[in-house]
Amino acid sequence: MEIKSIHPATLVNMLDENKLDGSIIIDVRERHEWEYYHLDEALLIPMREVPHRLGEIDGDQNVYIVCAHGVRSYMVCEFLAEQGYEHVVNVEGGMAAIGSIRGFQYD
């Protein structure tokens, strides 16, 4: 199964230009990571909670998954695809890459 991905700069541009209507961004990091730095537009669903919170994820929307560096988000994309979600997109490089684009140091 092929997982779609998006460059973080493309996602940031889409956010800045309000081009994500009908889409959802899900941050799968833990709450302490979220509190350090996050996208205001994102919904926090830590990776371990995803299986129990599928009802919050609209399968008809484009679902962008972000984590710290792109590893957990890729695994969540695979899981969602296995559950029948067709419009999942992994954000490459995660919040570390987004932070550097936006001028925020995230390690």
N, C-alpha and C. Protein backbone atom coordinates (compact mmCIF):
# COMPACT_ATOMS: atom_id res chain seq x y z
N MET A 1 0.84 -1.17 0.00
CA MET A 1 0.00 0.00 0.00
C MET A 1 0.89 1.24 0.00
N GLU A 2 0.58 2.15 -0.89
CA GLU A 2 1.37 3.38 -1.00
C GLU A 2 0.74 4.47 -0.14
N ILE A 3 1.56 5.10 0.68
CA ILE A 3 1.10 6.19 1.53
C ILE A 3 1.50 7.50 0.86
N LYS A 4 0.54 8.38 0.70
CA LYS A 4 0.83 9.70 0.13
C LYS A 4 1.57 10.53 1.17
N SER A 5 2.40 11.44 0.69
CA SER A 5 3.10 12.34 1.59
C SER A 5 3.10 13.74 1.01
N ILE A 6 3.38 14.69 1.88
CA ILE A 6 3.42 16.09 1.48
C ILE A 6 4.65 16.72 2.12
N HIS A 7 5.30 17.60 1.37
CA HIS A 7 6.43 18.35 1.91
C HIS A 7 5.89 19.35 2.93
N PRO A 8 6.57 19.54 4.06
CA PRO A 8 6.06 20.46 5.08
C PRO A 8 5.86 21.89 4.58
N ALA A 9 6.71 22.35 3.66
CA ALA A 9 6.55 23.71 3.13
C ALA A 9 5.24 23.83 2.35
N THR A 10 4.85 22.76 1.67
CA THR A 10 3.58 22.77 0.93
C THR A 10 2.42 22.88 1.90
N LEU A 11 2.48 22.12 3.00
CA LEU A 11 1.41 22.20 4.00
C LEU A 11 1.35 23.60 4.61
N VAL A 12 2.50 24.16 4.96
CA VAL A 12 2.53 25.52 5.55
C VAL A 12 1.94 26.53 4.57
N ASN A 13 2.29 26.44 3.30
CA ASN A 13 1.72 27.34 2.30
C ASN A 13 0.21 27.18 2.19
N MET A 14 -0.25 25.94 2.21
CA MET A 14 -1.69 25.69 2.14
C MET A 14 -2.40 26.28 3.35
N LEU A 15 -1.79 26.16 4.53
CA LEU A 15 -2.36 26.76 5.74
C LEU A 15 -2.39 28.28 5.62
N ASP A 16 -1.27 28.86 5.23
CA ASP A 16 -1.17 30.32 5.13
C ASP A 16 -2.14 30.90 4.11
N GLU A 17 -2.45 30.12 3.07
CA GLU A 17 -3.36 30.58 2.02
C GLU A 17 -4.79 30.08 2.21
N ASN A 18 -5.06 29.52 3.40
CA ASN A 18 -6.41 29.00 3.72
C ASN A 18 -6.94 28.04 2.66
N LYS A 19 -6.08 27.12 2.23
CA LYS A 19 -6.47 26.17 1.19
C LYS A 19 -6.72 24.77 1.73
N LEU A 20 -7.03 24.67 3.01
CA LEU A 20 -7.27 23.36 3.60
C LEU A 20 -8.72 23.15 4.01
N ASP A 21 -9.63 23.92 3.45
CA ASP A 21 -11.04 23.71 3.75
C ASP A 21 -11.42 22.29 3.37
N GLY A 22 -12.20 21.64 4.20
CA GLY A 22 -12.59 20.28 3.93
C GLY A 22 -11.51 19.27 4.27
N SER A 23 -10.49 19.72 4.98
CA SER A 23 -9.38 18.85 5.39
C SER A 23 -9.23 18.91 6.90
N ILE A 24 -8.52 17.94 7.44
CA ILE A 24 -8.22 17.94 8.86
C ILE A 24 -6.75 17.62 9.04
N ILE A 25 -6.13 18.25 10.02
CA ILE A 25 -4.75 17.95 10.39
C ILE A 25 -4.80 17.29 11.76
N ILE A 26 -4.20 16.12 11.86
CA ILE A 26 -4.15 15.41 13.13
C ILE A 26 -2.70 15.29 13.56
N ASP A 27 -2.44 15.75 14.77
CA ASP A 27 -1.12 15.69 15.38
C ASP A 27 -1.11 14.45 16.29
N VAL A 28 -0.23 13.50 16.01
CA VAL A 28 -0.23 12.24 16.75
C VAL A 28 0.86 12.18 17.82
N ARG A 29 1.44 13.33 18.14
CA ARG A 29 2.44 13.37 19.22
C ARG A 29 1.74 13.28 20.57
N GLU A 30 2.53 13.18 21.61
CA GLU A 30 1.99 13.17 22.97
C GLU A 30 1.68 14.60 23.42
N ARG A 31 0.84 14.72 24.44
CA ARG A 31 0.39 16.04 24.90
C ARG A 31 1.57 16.95 25.26
N HIS A 32 2.60 16.44 25.94
CA HIS A 32 3.73 17.31 26.32
C HIS A 32 4.45 17.86 25.09
N GLU A 33 4.49 17.10 24.00
CA GLU A 33 5.09 17.59 22.75
C GLU A 33 4.20 18.67 22.14
N TRP A 34 2.89 18.44 22.16
CA TRP A 34 1.89 19.36 21.64
C TRP A 34 1.97 20.70 22.38
N GLU A 35 2.10 20.63 23.70
CA GLU A 35 2.13 21.86 24.50
C GLU A 35 3.38 22.69 24.21
N TYR A 36 4.45 22.04 23.81
CA TYR A 36 5.68 22.75 23.48
C TYR A 36 5.52 23.58 22.21
N TYR A 37 4.92 22.99 21.18
CA TYR A 37 4.70 23.67 19.91
C TYR A 37 3.73 22.86 19.09
N HIS A 38 2.72 23.53 18.52
CA HIS A 38 1.77 22.82 17.66
C HIS A 38 1.13 23.79 16.67
N LEU A 39 0.46 23.23 15.70
CA LEU A 39 -0.32 24.03 14.75
C LEU A 39 -1.69 24.27 15.36
N ASP A 40 -2.13 25.51 15.38
CA ASP A 40 -3.44 25.82 15.94
C ASP A 40 -4.57 25.10 15.21
N GLU A 41 -4.35 24.81 13.94
CA GLU A 41 -5.37 24.18 13.10
C GLU A 41 -5.49 22.67 13.34
N ALA A 42 -4.55 22.10 14.07
CA ALA A 42 -4.50 20.65 14.24
C ALA A 42 -5.33 20.16 15.42
N LEU A 43 -5.74 18.91 15.31
CA LEU A 43 -6.42 18.20 16.37
C LEU A 43 -5.42 17.22 16.98
N LEU A 44 -5.29 17.23 18.29
CA LEU A 44 -4.37 16.31 18.96
C LEU A 44 -5.06 14.96 19.20
N ILE A 45 -4.51 13.93 18.58
CA ILE A 45 -4.91 12.55 18.87
C ILE A 45 -3.61 11.76 18.95
N PRO A 46 -3.07 11.59 20.16
CA PRO A 46 -1.82 10.84 20.28
C PRO A 46 -1.91 9.47 19.61
N MET A 47 -0.79 9.04 19.07
CA MET A 47 -0.75 7.81 18.28
C MET A 47 -1.46 6.64 18.96
N ARG A 48 -1.21 6.44 20.23
CA ARG A 48 -1.79 5.30 20.93
C ARG A 48 -3.30 5.40 21.08
N GLU A 49 -3.86 6.60 20.92
CA GLU A 49 -5.30 6.81 21.05
C GLU A 49 -6.05 6.70 19.72
N VAL A 50 -5.33 6.71 18.61
CA VAL A 50 -5.97 6.71 17.29
C VAL A 50 -6.98 5.58 17.12
N PRO A 51 -6.63 4.32 17.48
CA PRO A 51 -7.60 3.23 17.26
C PRO A 51 -8.92 3.44 18.01
N HIS A 52 -8.87 4.13 19.14
CA HIS A 52 -10.05 4.34 19.96
C HIS A 52 -10.82 5.61 19.59
N ARG A 53 -10.24 6.42 18.72
CA ARG A 53 -10.86 7.70 18.38
C ARG A 53 -11.15 7.84 16.88
N LEU A 54 -11.29 6.72 16.20
CA LEU A 54 -11.55 6.75 14.76
C LEU A 54 -12.81 7.54 14.43
N GLY A 55 -13.77 7.55 15.34
CA GLY A 55 -15.02 8.28 15.10
C GLY A 55 -14.83 9.78 14.95
N GLU A 56 -13.68 10.29 15.38
CA GLU A 56 -13.39 11.72 15.26
C GLU A 56 -12.73 12.06 13.92
N ILE A 57 -12.42 11.05 13.13
CA ILE A 57 -11.69 11.26 11.88
C ILE A 57 -12.64 10.98 10.72
N ASP A 58 -13.00 12.03 10.01
CA ASP A 58 -13.92 11.92 8.87
C ASP A 58 -13.17 11.37 7.66
N GLY A 59 -13.53 10.17 7.26
CA GLY A 59 -12.86 9.53 6.14
C GLY A 59 -13.11 10.17 4.80
N ASP A 60 -14.07 11.08 4.72
CA ASP A 60 -14.33 11.77 3.47
C ASP A 60 -13.43 12.99 3.27
N GLN A 61 -12.77 13.42 4.33
CA GLN A 61 -11.88 14.57 4.26
C GLN A 61 -10.46 14.12 3.93
N ASN A 62 -9.66 15.06 3.43
CA ASN A 62 -8.22 14.83 3.37
C ASN A 62 -7.72 14.90 4.81
N VAL A 63 -6.97 13.90 5.23
CA VAL A 63 -6.48 13.82 6.61
C VAL A 63 -4.96 13.90 6.57
N TYR A 64 -4.42 15.02 7.04
CA TYR A 64 -2.98 15.22 7.10
C TYR A 64 -2.51 14.81 8.49
N ILE A 65 -1.55 13.91 8.54
CA ILE A 65 -1.05 13.39 9.81
C ILE A 65 0.36 13.93 10.04
N VAL A 66 0.56 14.50 11.23
CA VAL A 66 1.85 15.10 11.58
C VAL A 66 2.30 14.57 12.94
N CYS A 67 3.62 14.41 13.09
CA CYS A 67 4.21 14.05 14.38
C CYS A 67 5.46 14.90 14.56
N ALA A 68 6.44 14.41 15.28
CA ALA A 68 7.65 15.20 15.51
C ALA A 68 8.56 15.24 14.28
N HIS A 69 8.79 14.05 13.68
CA HIS A 69 9.74 13.97 12.57
C HIS A 69 9.23 13.19 11.37
N GLY A 70 8.03 12.67 11.43
CA GLY A 70 7.45 11.96 10.29
C GLY A 70 7.39 10.45 10.40
N VAL A 71 7.89 9.89 11.49
CA VAL A 71 7.90 8.43 11.64
C VAL A 71 6.56 7.93 12.18
N ARG A 72 6.13 8.47 13.33
CA ARG A 72 4.84 8.05 13.90
C ARG A 72 3.71 8.37 12.95
N SER A 73 3.79 9.52 12.30
CA SER A 73 2.71 9.91 11.38
C SER A 73 2.61 8.92 10.23
N TYR A 74 3.73 8.43 9.74
CA TYR A 74 3.70 7.44 8.66
C TYR A 74 3.01 6.16 9.14
N MET A 75 3.34 5.72 10.35
CA MET A 75 2.72 4.50 10.88
C MET A 75 1.21 4.69 11.06
N VAL A 76 0.80 5.87 11.51
CA VAL A 76 -0.63 6.15 11.67
C VAL A 76 -1.30 6.18 10.30
N CYS A 77 -0.64 6.74 9.31
CA CYS A 77 -1.20 6.74 7.95
C CYS A 77 -1.42 5.30 7.48
N GLU A 78 -0.44 4.44 7.72
CA GLU A 78 -0.60 3.03 7.33
C GLU A 78 -1.78 2.40 8.04
N PHE A 79 -1.91 2.66 9.33
CA PHE A 79 -3.02 2.11 10.11
C PHE A 79 -4.36 2.60 9.57
N LEU A 80 -4.46 3.90 9.33
CA LEU A 80 -5.72 4.46 8.83
C LEU A 80 -6.06 3.91 7.45
N ALA A 81 -5.06 3.75 6.61
CA ALA A 81 -5.29 3.17 5.28
C ALA A 81 -5.82 1.74 5.42
N GLU A 82 -5.27 0.98 6.36
CA GLU A 82 -5.75 -0.38 6.61
C GLU A 82 -7.20 -0.39 7.10
N GLN A 83 -7.61 0.71 7.74
CA GLN A 83 -8.99 0.81 8.23
C GLN A 83 -9.94 1.33 7.16
N GLY A 84 -9.42 1.59 5.98
CA GLY A 84 -10.27 2.02 4.87
C GLY A 84 -10.25 3.50 4.57
N TYR A 85 -9.42 4.27 5.27
CA TYR A 85 -9.31 5.70 4.99
C TYR A 85 -8.50 5.86 3.70
N GLU A 86 -9.07 6.55 2.74
CA GLU A 86 -8.43 6.67 1.43
C GLU A 86 -7.68 7.98 1.23
N HIS A 87 -7.91 8.96 2.08
CA HIS A 87 -7.35 10.30 1.85
C HIS A 87 -6.40 10.71 2.97
N VAL A 88 -5.49 9.81 3.36
CA VAL A 88 -4.53 10.13 4.42
C VAL A 88 -3.21 10.56 3.79
N VAL A 89 -2.59 11.56 4.40
CA VAL A 89 -1.35 12.12 3.86
C VAL A 89 -0.36 12.32 5.01
N ASN A 90 0.82 11.76 4.87
CA ASN A 90 1.87 11.93 5.86
C ASN A 90 2.61 13.24 5.61
N VAL A 91 2.82 14.02 6.67
CA VAL A 91 3.59 15.26 6.56
C VAL A 91 5.06 14.92 6.82
N GLU A 92 5.86 14.96 5.76
CA GLU A 92 7.28 14.62 5.86
C GLU A 92 8.00 15.56 6.82
N GLY A 93 8.86 14.99 7.64
CA GLY A 93 9.68 15.82 8.52
C GLY A 93 8.97 16.33 9.76
N GLY A 94 7.66 16.20 9.81
CA GLY A 94 6.87 16.55 10.99
C GLY A 94 7.02 17.98 11.47
N MET A 95 6.78 18.14 12.77
CA MET A 95 6.80 19.48 13.37
C MET A 95 8.21 20.06 13.41
N ALA A 96 9.23 19.21 13.38
CA ALA A 96 10.60 19.74 13.31
C ALA A 96 10.79 20.53 12.03
N ALA A 97 10.31 19.98 10.92
CA ALA A 97 10.43 20.67 9.63
C ALA A 97 9.51 21.89 9.57
N ILE A 98 8.29 21.73 10.05
CA ILE A 98 7.35 22.86 10.04
C ILE A 98 7.89 23.98 10.91
N GLY A 99 8.43 23.63 12.08
CA GLY A 99 9.00 24.65 12.97
C GLY A 99 10.13 25.42 12.32
N SER A 100 10.99 24.72 11.59
CA SER A 100 12.10 25.43 10.94
C SER A 100 11.60 26.35 9.84
N ILE A 101 10.54 25.95 9.16
CA ILE A 101 9.95 26.81 8.12
C ILE A 101 9.33 28.05 8.75
N ARG A 102 8.70 27.87 9.87
CA ARG A 102 8.05 28.99 10.55
C ARG A 102 8.97 29.74 11.51
N GLY A 103 10.23 29.35 11.58
CA GLY A 103 11.18 30.06 12.41
C GLY A 103 11.13 29.68 13.88
N PHE A 104 10.71 28.45 14.16
CA PHE A 104 10.64 27.97 15.53
C PHE A 104 11.52 26.74 15.65
N GLN A 105 12.42 26.74 16.60
CA GLN A 105 13.32 25.59 16.77
C GLN A 105 12.60 24.49 17.54
N TYR A 106 12.39 23.36 16.90
CA TYR A 106 11.76 22.20 17.52
C TYR A 106 12.69 21.02 17.38
N ASP A 107 13.10 20.44 18.47
CA ASP A 107 14.03 19.30 18.43
C ASP A 107 13.32 18.02 18.73
